[in-house]
Amino acid sequence: MKIEVRGIINNGIYNSEKIVLDVLEDCNIGNYLISTAQSKTKDSRNSYRFPIKELKKGDIIVLHTQGGEDKVVKTIKESTYEFHWNRGYCVRDYTRIFLMRYITETTMEIR
């Protein structure tokens, strides 16, 4: 995969919980989604599909579990793309998170 999950920061603290991902190769983030396992509800908020956006190797993705406004912070070396899931609850309520990549409309790669 061209993107890798670095980890969850402030797990269980709704106002500051975030999932951080590293871009390993140039790619379009719109081909990826994050999903949780062993959900307590059958809620559509258990998956987040990223918007279509071209990213470069070395960029950082920050997915906040709370609501907010998406933004990009650029430095000389990389860009940090901040997205907001607007889940209403923390990722910690789940056993696992998965990063999935759409290969075709019917095929996915899961990590």
PDB file of N, CA and C in Angstrom:
ATOM      1  N   MET A   1       0.832  -1.186   0.000  1.00  0.00           N
ATOM      2  CA  MET A   1       0.000   0.000   0.000  1.00  0.00           C
ATOM      3  C   MET A   1       0.871   1.242   0.000  1.00  0.00           C
ATOM      4  N   LYS A   2       0.329   2.297  -0.515  1.00  0.00           N
ATOM      5  CA  LYS A   2       1.079   3.545  -0.628  1.00  0.00           C
ATOM      6  C   LYS A   2       0.895   4.439   0.584  1.00  0.00           C
ATOM      7  N   ILE A   3       0.029   4.009   1.500  1.00  0.00           N
ATOM      8  CA  ILE A   3      -0.227   4.747   2.742  1.00  0.00           C
ATOM      9  C   ILE A   3      -0.162   3.754   3.891  1.00  0.00           C
ATOM     10  N   GLU A   4       0.331   4.224   5.048  1.00  0.00           N
ATOM     11  CA  GLU A   4       0.474   3.346   6.207  1.00  0.00           C
ATOM     12  C   GLU A   4      -0.037   4.066   7.457  1.00  0.00           C
ATOM     13  N   VAL A   5      -0.735   3.333   8.316  1.00  0.00           N
ATOM     14  CA  VAL A   5      -1.211   3.911   9.577  1.00  0.00           C
ATOM     15  C   VAL A   5      -0.027   4.002  10.538  1.00  0.00           C
ATOM     16  N   ARG A   6       0.257   5.216  11.004  1.00  0.00           N
ATOM     17  CA  ARG A   6       1.315   5.434  11.995  1.00  0.00           C
ATOM     18  C   ARG A   6       0.792   5.107  13.387  1.00  0.00           C
ATOM     19  N   GLY A   7      -0.451   5.521  13.665  1.00  0.00           N
ATOM     20  CA  GLY A   7      -1.026   5.233  14.974  1.00  0.00           C
ATOM     21  C   GLY A   7      -2.198   6.132  15.312  1.00  0.00           C
ATOM     22  N   ILE A   8      -2.756   5.900  16.498  1.00  0.00           N
ATOM     23  CA  ILE A   8      -3.863   6.710  17.008  1.00  0.00           C
ATOM     24  C   ILE A   8      -3.315   7.547  18.154  1.00  0.00           C
ATOM     25  N   ILE A   9      -3.533   8.847  18.083  1.00  0.00           N
ATOM     26  CA  ILE A   9      -3.063   9.773  19.114  1.00  0.00           C
ATOM     27  C   ILE A   9      -4.255  10.167  19.987  1.00  0.00           C
ATOM     28  N   ASN A  10      -4.037  10.222  21.290  1.00  0.00           N
ATOM     29  CA  ASN A  10      -5.073  10.582  22.273  1.00  0.00           C
ATOM     30  C   ASN A  10      -6.303   9.674  22.148  1.00  0.00           C
ATOM     31  N   ASN A  11      -6.033   8.383  22.015  1.00  0.00           N
ATOM     32  CA  ASN A  11      -7.096   7.387  21.875  1.00  0.00           C
ATOM     33  C   ASN A  11      -8.065   7.466  23.054  1.00  0.00           C
ATOM     34  N   GLY A  12      -9.345   7.633  22.725  1.00  0.00           N
ATOM     35  CA  GLY A  12     -10.384   7.685  23.742  1.00  0.00           C
ATOM     36  C   GLY A  12     -10.715   9.077  24.234  1.00  0.00           C
ATOM     37  N   ILE A  13      -9.999  10.100  23.770  1.00  0.00           N
ATOM     38  CA  ILE A  13     -10.270  11.483  24.168  1.00  0.00           C
ATOM     39  C   ILE A  13     -10.903  12.174  22.964  1.00  0.00           C
ATOM     40  N   TYR A  14     -12.217  12.255  22.949  1.00  0.00           N
ATOM     41  CA  TYR A  14     -12.955  12.657  21.753  1.00  0.00           C
ATOM     42  C   TYR A  14     -12.499  13.979  21.149  1.00  0.00           C
ATOM     43  N   ASN A  15     -12.265  14.999  21.971  1.00  0.00           N
ATOM     44  CA  ASN A  15     -11.912  16.322  21.432  1.00  0.00           C
ATOM     45  C   ASN A  15     -10.537  16.385  20.794  1.00  0.00           C
ATOM     46  N   SER A  16      -9.684  15.355  21.026  1.00  0.00           N
ATOM     47  CA  SER A  16      -8.335  15.412  20.461  1.00  0.00           C
ATOM     48  C   SER A  16      -7.879  14.098  19.826  1.00  0.00           C
ATOM     49  N   GLU A  17      -8.731  13.104  19.763  1.00  0.00           N
ATOM     50  CA  GLU A  17      -8.354  11.824  19.160  1.00  0.00           C
ATOM     51  C   GLU A  17      -8.148  11.979  17.652  1.00  0.00           C
ATOM     52  N   LYS A  18      -7.093  11.357  17.132  1.00  0.00           N
ATOM     53  CA  LYS A  18      -6.811  11.421  15.694  1.00  0.00           C
ATOM     54  C   LYS A  18      -6.014  10.199  15.260  1.00  0.00           C
ATOM     55  N   ILE A  19      -6.212   9.825  14.006  1.00  0.00           N
ATOM     56  CA  ILE A  19      -5.468   8.739  13.380  1.00  0.00           C
ATOM     57  C   ILE A  19      -4.455   9.397  12.444  1.00  0.00           C
ATOM     58  N   VAL A  20      -3.179   9.014  12.578  1.00  0.00           N
ATOM     59  CA  VAL A  20      -2.131   9.606  11.759  1.00  0.00           C
ATOM     60  C   VAL A  20      -1.645   8.547  10.762  1.00  0.00           C
ATOM     61  N   LEU A  21      -1.540   8.968   9.489  1.00  0.00           N
ATOM     62  CA  LEU A  21      -1.094   8.085   8.420  1.00  0.00           C
ATOM     63  C   LEU A  21       0.059   8.732   7.672  1.00  0.00           C
ATOM     64  N   ASP A  22       0.967   7.909   7.168  1.00  0.00           N
ATOM     65  CA  ASP A  22       2.103   8.376   6.391  1.00  0.00           C
ATOM     66  C   ASP A  22       1.920   7.987   4.933  1.00  0.00           C
ATOM     67  N   VAL A  23       2.256   8.907   4.023  1.00  0.00           N
ATOM     68  CA  VAL A  23       2.195   8.633   2.585  1.00  0.00           C
ATOM     69  C   VAL A  23       3.573   8.116   2.173  1.00  0.00           C
ATOM     70  N   LEU A  24       3.625   6.855   1.720  1.00  0.00           N
ATOM     71  CA  LEU A  24       4.883   6.199   1.364  1.00  0.00           C
ATOM     72  C   LEU A  24       5.254   6.391  -0.109  1.00  0.00           C
ATOM     73  N   GLU A  25       4.239   6.614  -0.953  1.00  0.00           N
ATOM     74  CA  GLU A  25       4.434   6.851  -2.388  1.00  0.00           C
ATOM     75  C   GLU A  25       3.378   7.839  -2.851  1.00  0.00           C
ATOM     76  N   ASP A  26       3.652   8.574  -3.925  1.00  0.00           N
ATOM     77  CA  ASP A  26       2.643   9.470  -4.496  1.00  0.00           C
ATOM     78  C   ASP A  26       1.369   8.667  -4.767  1.00  0.00           C
ATOM     79  N   CYS A  27       0.205   9.232  -4.412  1.00  0.00           N
ATOM     80  CA  CYS A  27      -1.053   8.517  -4.612  1.00  0.00           C
ATOM     81  C   CYS A  27      -2.234   9.480  -4.483  1.00  0.00           C
ATOM     82  N   ASN A  28      -3.413   8.962  -4.790  1.00  0.00           N
ATOM     83  CA  ASN A  28      -4.651   9.702  -4.591  1.00  0.00           C
ATOM     84  C   ASN A  28      -5.330   9.142  -3.353  1.00  0.00           C
ATOM     85  N   ILE A  29      -5.496   9.958  -2.333  1.00  0.00           N
ATOM     86  CA  ILE A  29      -6.084   9.516  -1.068  1.00  0.00           C
ATOM     87  C   ILE A  29      -7.551   9.102  -1.239  1.00  0.00           C
ATOM     88  N   GLY A  30      -8.200   9.551  -2.314  1.00  0.00           N
ATOM     89  CA  GLY A  30      -9.594   9.186  -2.568  1.00  0.00           C
ATOM     90  C   GLY A  30      -9.807   7.710  -2.829  1.00  0.00           C
ATOM     91  N   ASN A  31      -8.725   6.953  -3.028  1.00  0.00           N
ATOM     92  CA  ASN A  31      -8.823   5.506  -3.219  1.00  0.00           C
ATOM     93  C   ASN A  31      -8.783   4.737  -1.899  1.00  0.00           C
ATOM     94  N   TYR A  32      -8.754   5.450  -0.774  1.00  0.00           N
ATOM     95  CA  TYR A  32      -8.592   4.810   0.530  1.00  0.00           C
ATOM     96  C   TYR A  32      -9.762   5.113   1.460  1.00  0.00           C
ATOM     97  N   LEU A  33      -9.977   4.178   2.394  1.00  0.00           N
ATOM     98  CA  LEU A  33     -10.921   4.431   3.478  1.00  0.00           C
ATOM     99  C   LEU A  33     -10.414   3.776   4.742  1.00  0.00           C
ATOM    100  N   ILE A  34     -10.883   4.306   5.868  1.00  0.00           N
ATOM    101  CA  ILE A  34     -10.593   3.757   7.200  1.00  0.00           C
ATOM    102  C   ILE A  34     -11.898   3.143   7.701  1.00  0.00           C
ATOM    103  N   SER A  35     -11.795   1.978   8.313  1.00  0.00           N
ATOM    104  CA  SER A  35     -12.982   1.327   8.857  1.00  0.00           C
ATOM    105  C   SER A  35     -12.639   0.722  10.213  1.00  0.00           C
ATOM    106  N   THR A  36     -13.633   0.596  11.067  1.00  0.00           N
ATOM    107  CA  THR A  36     -13.429   0.000  12.388  1.00  0.00           C
ATOM    108  C   THR A  36     -14.027  -1.403  12.415  1.00  0.00           C
ATOM    109  N   ALA A  37     -13.499  -2.233  13.292  1.00  0.00           N
ATOM    110  CA  ALA A  37     -13.978  -3.610  13.445  1.00  0.00           C
ATOM    111  C   ALA A  37     -14.689  -3.763  14.784  1.00  0.00           C
ATOM    112  N   GLN A  38     -15.524  -4.768  14.862  1.00  0.00           N
ATOM    113  CA  GLN A  38     -16.299  -5.090  16.052  1.00  0.00           C
ATOM    114  C   GLN A  38     -17.076  -3.877  16.548  1.00  0.00           C
ATOM    115  N   SER A  39     -17.811  -3.273  15.661  1.00  0.00           N
ATOM    116  CA  SER A  39     -18.584  -2.092  16.032  1.00  0.00           C
ATOM    117  C   SER A  39     -19.708  -2.461  16.991  1.00  0.00           C
ATOM    118  N   LYS A  40     -20.027  -1.532  17.855  1.00  0.00           N
ATOM    119  CA  LYS A  40     -21.132  -1.718  18.784  1.00  0.00           C
ATOM    120  C   LYS A  40     -22.464  -1.378  18.130  1.00  0.00           C
ATOM    121  N   THR A  41     -22.404  -0.681  17.005  1.00  0.00           N
ATOM    122  CA  THR A  41     -23.618  -0.310  16.278  1.00  0.00           C
ATOM    123  C   THR A  41     -23.417  -0.597  14.800  1.00  0.00           C
ATOM    124  N   LYS A  42     -24.492  -0.660  14.066  1.00  0.00           N
ATOM    125  CA  LYS A  42     -24.436  -0.832  12.606  1.00  0.00           C
ATOM    126  C   LYS A  42     -24.521   0.551  11.969  1.00  0.00           C
ATOM    127  N   ASP A  43     -23.637   1.436  12.349  1.00  0.00           N
ATOM    128  CA  ASP A  43     -23.668   2.841  12.004  1.00  0.00           C
ATOM    129  C   ASP A  43     -22.764   3.123  10.809  1.00  0.00           C
ATOM    130  N   SER A  44     -23.208   3.937   9.861  1.00  0.00           N
ATOM    131  CA  SER A  44     -22.381   4.271   8.692  1.00  0.00           C
ATOM    132  C   SER A  44     -21.143   5.061   9.082  1.00  0.00           C
ATOM    133  N   ARG A  45     -21.106   5.609  10.294  1.00  0.00           N
ATOM    134  CA  ARG A  45     -19.923   6.358  10.736  1.00  0.00           C
ATOM    135  C   ARG A  45     -18.751   5.441  11.067  1.00  0.00           C
ATOM    136  N   ASN A  46     -18.905   4.113  10.881  1.00  0.00           N
ATOM    137  CA  ASN A  46     -17.818   3.180  11.153  1.00  0.00           C
ATOM    138  C   ASN A  46     -16.790   3.155  10.032  1.00  0.00           C
ATOM    139  N   SER A  47     -17.063   3.844   8.927  1.00  0.00           N
ATOM    140  CA  SER A  47     -16.110   3.949   7.822  1.00  0.00           C
ATOM    141  C   SER A  47     -15.983   5.399   7.392  1.00  0.00           C
ATOM    142  N   TYR A  48     -14.769   5.766   6.987  1.00  0.00           N
ATOM    143  CA  TYR A  48     -14.523   7.106   6.463  1.00  0.00           C
ATOM    144  C   TYR A  48     -13.769   6.959   5.150  1.00  0.00           C
ATOM    145  N   ARG A  49     -14.372   7.418   4.062  1.00  0.00           N
ATOM    146  CA  ARG A  49     -13.683   7.417   2.763  1.00  0.00           C
ATOM    147  C   ARG A  49     -13.100   8.807   2.539  1.00  0.00           C
ATOM    148  N   PHE A  50     -11.811   8.839   2.253  1.00  0.00           N
ATOM    149  CA  PHE A  50     -11.121  10.106   2.053  1.00  0.00           C
ATOM    150  C   PHE A  50     -11.571  10.754   0.744  1.00  0.00           C
ATOM    151  N   PRO A  51     -11.549  12.083   0.683  1.00  0.00           N
ATOM    152  CA  PRO A  51     -11.899  12.777  -0.567  1.00  0.00           C
ATOM    153  C   PRO A  51     -10.793  12.605  -1.611  1.00  0.00           C
ATOM    154  N   ILE A  52     -11.133  12.823  -2.862  1.00  0.00           N
ATOM    155  CA  ILE A  52     -10.161  12.721  -3.949  1.00  0.00           C
ATOM    156  C   ILE A  52      -9.154  13.860  -3.826  1.00  0.00           C
ATOM    157  N   LYS A  53      -7.887  13.482  -3.683  1.00  0.00           N
ATOM    158  CA  LYS A  53      -6.816  14.480  -3.526  1.00  0.00           C
ATOM    159  C   LYS A  53      -5.478  13.790  -3.781  1.00  0.00           C
ATOM    160  N   GLU A  54      -4.663  14.397  -4.621  1.00  0.00           N
ATOM    161  CA  GLU A  54      -3.334  13.849  -4.916  1.00  0.00           C
ATOM    162  C   GLU A  54      -2.375  14.220  -3.782  1.00  0.00           C
ATOM    163  N   LEU A  55      -1.657  13.211  -3.263  1.00  0.00           N
ATOM    164  CA  LEU A  55      -0.671  13.422  -2.209  1.00  0.00           C
ATOM    165  C   LEU A  55       0.687  12.953  -2.689  1.00  0.00           C
ATOM    166  N   LYS A  56       1.726  13.470  -2.047  1.00  0.00           N
ATOM    167  CA  LYS A  56       3.109  13.158  -2.410  1.00  0.00           C
ATOM    168  C   LYS A  56       3.773  12.330  -1.309  1.00  0.00           C
ATOM    169  N   LYS A  57       4.757  11.532  -1.707  1.00  0.00           N
ATOM    170  CA  LYS A  57       5.551  10.764  -0.752  1.00  0.00           C
ATOM    171  C   LYS A  57       6.083  11.710   0.322  1.00  0.00           C
ATOM    172  N   GLY A  58       5.934  11.308   1.594  1.00  0.00           N
ATOM    173  CA  GLY A  58       6.397  12.130   2.709  1.00  0.00           C
ATOM    174  C   GLY A  58       5.304  12.974   3.346  1.00  0.00           C
ATOM    175  N   ASP A  59       4.161  13.118   2.649  1.00  0.00           N
ATOM    176  CA  ASP A  59       3.045  13.865   3.235  1.00  0.00           C
ATOM    177  C   ASP A  59       2.475  13.098   4.422  1.00  0.00           C
ATOM    178  N   ILE A  60       1.752  13.812   5.257  1.00  0.00           N
ATOM    179  CA  ILE A  60       1.142  13.238   6.463  1.00  0.00           C
ATOM    180  C   ILE A  60      -0.362  13.477   6.396  1.00  0.00           C
ATOM    181  N   ILE A  61      -1.117  12.472   6.804  1.00  0.00           N
ATOM    182  CA  ILE A  61      -2.579  12.574   6.864  1.00  0.00           C
ATOM    183  C   ILE A  61      -2.983  12.470   8.326  1.00  0.00           C
ATOM    184  N   VAL A  62      -3.821  13.393   8.775  1.00  0.00           N
ATOM    185  CA  VAL A  62      -4.347  13.359  10.134  1.00  0.00           C
ATOM    186  C   VAL A  62      -5.871  13.301  10.014  1.00  0.00           C
ATOM    187  N   LEU A  63      -6.463  12.216  10.515  1.00  0.00           N
ATOM    188  CA  LEU A  63      -7.912  12.062  10.492  1.00  0.00           C
ATOM    189  C   LEU A  63      -8.430  12.236  11.913  1.00  0.00           C
ATOM    190  N   HIS A  64      -9.074  13.368  12.175  1.00  0.00           N
ATOM    191  CA  HIS A  64      -9.665  13.650  13.487  1.00  0.00           C
ATOM    192  C   HIS A  64     -11.002  12.917  13.580  1.00  0.00           C
ATOM    193  N   THR A  65     -11.287  12.296  14.722  1.00  0.00           N
ATOM    194  CA  THR A  65     -12.564  11.587  14.844  1.00  0.00           C
ATOM    195  C   THR A  65     -13.728  12.544  15.077  1.00  0.00           C
ATOM    196  N   GLN A  66     -13.468  13.725  15.603  1.00  0.00           N
ATOM    197  CA  GLN A  66     -14.542  14.700  15.817  1.00  0.00           C
ATOM    198  C   GLN A  66     -14.787  15.510  14.540  1.00  0.00           C
ATOM    199  N   GLY A  67     -15.789  16.345  14.572  1.00  0.00           N
ATOM    200  CA  GLY A  67     -16.100  17.203  13.432  1.00  0.00           C
ATOM    201  C   GLY A  67     -15.139  18.383  13.355  1.00  0.00           C
ATOM    202  N   GLY A  68     -15.168  19.070  12.233  1.00  0.00           N
ATOM    203  CA  GLY A  68     -14.319  20.232  12.040  1.00  0.00           C
ATOM    204  C   GLY A  68     -14.159  20.533  10.568  1.00  0.00           C
ATOM    205  N   GLU A  69     -13.296  21.490  10.286  1.00  0.00           N
ATOM    206  CA  GLU A  69     -13.059  21.901   8.907  1.00  0.00           C
ATOM    207  C   GLU A  69     -11.741  21.306   8.412  1.00  0.00           C
ATOM    208  N   ASP A  70     -11.795  20.649   7.251  1.00  0.00           N
ATOM    209  CA  ASP A  70     -10.591  20.062   6.664  1.00  0.00           C
ATOM    210  C   ASP A  70      -9.628  21.171   6.245  1.00  0.00           C
ATOM    211  N   LYS A  71      -8.307  20.889   6.330  1.00  0.00           N
ATOM    212  CA  LYS A  71      -7.325  21.895   5.931  1.00  0.00           C
ATOM    213  C   LYS A  71      -6.013  21.224   5.547  1.00  0.00           C
ATOM    214  N   VAL A  72      -5.146  22.003   4.923  1.00  0.00           N
ATOM    215  CA  VAL A  72      -3.814  21.553   4.539  1.00  0.00           C
ATOM    216  C   VAL A  72      -2.796  22.510   5.142  1.00  0.00           C
ATOM    217  N   VAL A  73      -1.771  21.956   5.795  1.00  0.00           N
ATOM    218  CA  VAL A  73      -0.678  22.752   6.351  1.00  0.00           C
ATOM    219  C   VAL A  73       0.578  22.352   5.584  1.00  0.00           C
ATOM    220  N   LYS A  74       1.175  23.313   4.852  1.00  0.00           N
ATOM    221  CA  LYS A  74       2.344  23.015   4.017  1.00  0.00           C
ATOM    222  C   LYS A  74       3.617  23.546   4.654  1.00  0.00           C
ATOM    223  N   THR A  75       4.666  22.721   4.573  1.00  0.00           N
ATOM    224  CA  THR A  75       6.013  23.144   4.970  1.00  0.00           C
ATOM    225  C   THR A  75       6.927  22.908   3.768  1.00  0.00           C
ATOM    226  N   ILE A  76       8.199  23.196   3.912  1.00  0.00           N
ATOM    227  CA  ILE A  76       9.147  22.988   2.817  1.00  0.00           C
ATOM    228  C   ILE A  76       9.262  21.504   2.474  1.00  0.00           C
ATOM    229  N   LYS A  77       9.234  20.629   3.494  1.00  0.00           N
ATOM    230  CA  LYS A  77       9.464  19.202   3.281  1.00  0.00           C
ATOM    231  C   LYS A  77       8.212  18.410   2.932  1.00  0.00           C
ATOM    232  N   GLU A  78       7.078  18.737   3.551  1.00  0.00           N
ATOM    233  CA  GLU A  78       5.873  17.950   3.322  1.00  0.00           C
ATOM    234  C   GLU A  78       4.634  18.783   3.589  1.00  0.00           C
ATOM    235  N   SER A  79       3.499  18.181   3.282  1.00  0.00           N
ATOM    236  CA  SER A  79       2.208  18.789   3.601  1.00  0.00           C
ATOM    237  C   SER A  79       1.486  17.871   4.577  1.00  0.00           C
ATOM    238  N   THR A  80       0.747  18.469   5.499  1.00  0.00           N
ATOM    239  CA  THR A  80      -0.089  17.702   6.413  1.00  0.00           C
ATOM    240  C   THR A  80      -1.540  17.986   6.042  1.00  0.00           C
ATOM    241  N   TYR A  81      -2.268  16.924   5.711  1.00  0.00           N
ATOM    242  CA  TYR A  81      -3.676  17.025   5.320  1.00  0.00           C
ATOM    243  C   TYR A  81      -4.520  16.605   6.508  1.00  0.00           C
ATOM    244  N   GLU A  82      -5.351  17.519   6.990  1.00  0.00           N
ATOM    245  CA  GLU A  82      -6.205  17.235   8.138  1.00  0.00           C
ATOM    246  C   GLU A  82      -7.644  17.078   7.680  1.00  0.00           C
ATOM    247  N   PHE A  83      -8.219  15.903   7.994  1.00  0.00           N
ATOM    248  CA  PHE A  83      -9.605  15.590   7.664  1.00  0.00           C
ATOM    249  C   PHE A  83     -10.370  15.334   8.956  1.00  0.00           C
ATOM    250  N   HIS A  84     -11.690  15.472   8.899  1.00  0.00           N
ATOM    251  CA  HIS A  84     -12.541  15.285  10.081  1.00  0.00           C
ATOM    252  C   HIS A  84     -13.638  14.273   9.779  1.00  0.00           C
ATOM    253  N   TRP A  85     -13.721  13.247  10.624  1.00  0.00           N
ATOM    254  CA  TRP A  85     -14.633  12.123  10.443  1.00  0.00           C
ATOM    255  C   TRP A  85     -16.042  12.451  10.923  1.00  0.00           C
ATOM    256  N   ASN A  86     -16.174  13.269  11.967  1.00  0.00           N
ATOM    257  CA  ASN A  86     -17.471  13.628  12.554  1.00  0.00           C
ATOM    258  C   ASN A  86     -18.233  12.393  13.027  1.00  0.00           C
ATOM    259  N   ARG A  87     -17.521  11.525  13.748  1.00  0.00           N
ATOM    260  CA  ARG A  87     -18.083  10.251  14.210  1.00  0.00           C
ATOM    261  C   ARG A  87     -19.103  10.409  15.338  1.00  0.00           C
ATOM    262  N   GLY A  88     -18.837  11.284  16.285  1.00  0.00           N
ATOM    263  CA  GLY A  88     -19.709  11.382  17.450  1.00  0.00           C
ATOM    264  C   GLY A  88     -19.235  10.536  18.621  1.00  0.00           C
ATOM    265  N   TYR A  89     -18.212   9.712  18.398  1.00  0.00           N
ATOM    266  CA  TYR A  89     -17.631   8.890  19.457  1.00  0.00           C
ATOM    267  C   TYR A  89     -16.224   8.473  19.034  1.00  0.00           C
ATOM    268  N   CYS A  90     -15.479   7.918  19.965  1.00  0.00           N
ATOM    269  CA  CYS A  90     -14.052   7.624  19.742  1.00  0.00           C
ATOM    270  C   CYS A  90     -13.809   6.295  19.028  1.00  0.00           C
ATOM    271  N   VAL A  91     -12.638   6.195  18.414  1.00  0.00           N
ATOM    272  CA  VAL A  91     -12.197   4.947  17.787  1.00  0.00           C
ATOM    273  C   VAL A  91     -11.961   3.883  18.844  1.00  0.00           C
ATOM    274  N   ARG A  92     -11.601   4.273  20.022  1.00  0.00           N
ATOM    275  CA  ARG A  92     -11.252   3.336  21.090  1.00  0.00           C
ATOM    276  C   ARG A  92     -12.394   2.377  21.418  1.00  0.00           C
ATOM    277  N   ASP A  93     -13.615   2.718  21.026  1.00  0.00           N
ATOM    278  CA  ASP A  93     -14.757   1.836  21.255  1.00  0.00           C
ATOM    279  C   ASP A  93     -14.694   0.576  20.392  1.00  0.00           C
ATOM    280  N   TYR A  94     -13.650   0.442  19.582  1.00  0.00           N
ATOM    281  CA  TYR A  94     -13.522  -0.664  18.638  1.00  0.00           C
ATOM    282  C   TYR A  94     -12.213  -1.390  18.851  1.00  0.00           C
ATOM    283  N   THR A  95     -12.187  -2.661  18.477  1.00  0.00           N
ATOM    284  CA  THR A  95     -11.002  -3.482  18.645  1.00  0.00           C
ATOM    285  C   THR A  95      -9.904  -3.117  17.661  1.00  0.00           C
ATOM    286  N   ARG A  96     -10.275  -2.837  16.395  1.00  0.00           N
ATOM    287  CA  ARG A  96      -9.276  -2.577  15.358  1.00  0.00           C
ATOM    288  C   ARG A  96      -9.737  -1.501  14.398  1.00  0.00           C
ATOM    289  N   ILE A  97      -8.747  -0.889  13.734  1.00  0.00           N
ATOM    290  CA  ILE A  97      -9.063  -0.042  12.585  1.00  0.00           C
ATOM    291  C   ILE A  97      -8.362  -0.651  11.375  1.00  0.00           C
ATOM    292  N   PHE A  98      -8.978  -0.508  10.226  1.00  0.00           N
ATOM    293  CA  PHE A  98      -8.421  -1.039   8.987  1.00  0.00           C
ATOM    294  C   PHE A  98      -8.257   0.096   7.988  1.00  0.00           C
ATOM    295  N   LEU A  99      -7.161   0.059   7.249  1.00  0.00           N
ATOM    296  CA  LEU A  99      -6.958   0.946   6.121  1.00  0.00           C
ATOM    297  C   LEU A  99      -7.209   0.111   4.879  1.00  0.00           C
ATOM    298  N   MET A 100      -8.113   0.561   4.013  1.00  0.00           N
ATOM    299  CA  MET A 100      -8.460  -0.181   2.807  1.00  0.00           C
ATOM    300  C   MET A 100      -8.225   0.680   1.583  1.00  0.00           C
ATOM    301  N   ARG A 101      -7.812   0.034   0.500  1.00  0.00           N
ATOM    302  CA  ARG A 101      -7.572   0.730  -0.753  1.00  0.00           C
ATOM    303  C   ARG A 101      -8.450   0.106  -1.835  1.00  0.00           C
ATOM    304  N   TYR A 102      -9.203   0.974  -2.522  1.00  0.00           N
ATOM    305  CA  TYR A 102      -9.990   0.514  -3.658  1.00  0.00           C
ATOM    306  C   TYR A 102      -9.055   0.242  -4.821  1.00  0.00           C
ATOM    307  N   ILE A 103      -9.124  -0.962  -5.365  1.00  0.00           N
ATOM    308  CA  ILE A 103      -8.347  -1.310  -6.552  1.00  0.00           C
ATOM    309  C   ILE A 103      -9.248  -1.148  -7.777  1.00  0.00           C
ATOM    310  N   THR A 104     -10.440  -1.706  -7.693  1.00  0.00           N
ATOM    311  CA  THR A 104     -11.495  -1.498  -8.692  1.00  0.00           C
ATOM    312  C   THR A 104     -12.784  -1.319  -7.917  1.00  0.00           C
ATOM    313  N   GLU A 105     -13.890  -1.134  -8.597  1.00  0.00           N
ATOM    314  CA  GLU A 105     -15.182  -0.958  -7.911  1.00  0.00           C
ATOM    315  C   GLU A 105     -15.537  -2.160  -7.044  1.00  0.00           C
ATOM    316  N   THR A 106     -15.020  -3.347  -7.369  1.00  0.00           N
ATOM    317  CA  THR A 106     -15.395  -4.564  -6.624  1.00  0.00           C
ATOM    318  C   THR A 106     -14.233  -5.211  -5.890  1.00  0.00           C
ATOM    319  N   THR A 107     -13.037  -4.621  -5.930  1.00  0.00           N
ATOM    320  CA  THR A 107     -11.857  -5.229  -5.310  1.00  0.00           C
ATOM    321  C   THR A 107     -11.197  -4.237  -4.361  1.00  0.00           C
ATOM    322  N   MET A 108     -10.812  -4.736  -3.163  1.00  0.00           N
ATOM    323  CA  MET A 108     -10.132  -3.908  -2.166  1.00  0.00           C
ATOM    324  C   MET A 108      -8.912  -4.611  -1.620  1.00  0.00           C
ATOM    325  N   GLU A 109      -7.925  -3.825  -1.211  1.00  0.00           N
ATOM    326  CA  GLU A 109      -6.764  -4.313  -0.472  1.00  0.00           C
ATOM    327  C   GLU A 109      -6.941  -3.822   0.950  1.00  0.00           C
ATOM    328  N   ILE A 110      -6.809  -4.726   1.929  1.00  0.00           N
ATOM    329  CA  ILE A 110      -7.044  -4.368   3.339  1.00  0.00           C
ATOM    330  C   ILE A 110      -5.797  -4.629   4.153  1.00  0.00           C
ATOM    331  N   ARG A 111      -5.485  -3.673   5.052  1.00  0.00           N
ATOM    332  CA  ARG A 111      -4.357  -3.839   5.982  1.00  0.00           C
ATOM    333  C   ARG A 111      -4.814  -3.506   7.369  1.00  0.00           C
TER     334      ARG A 111
END
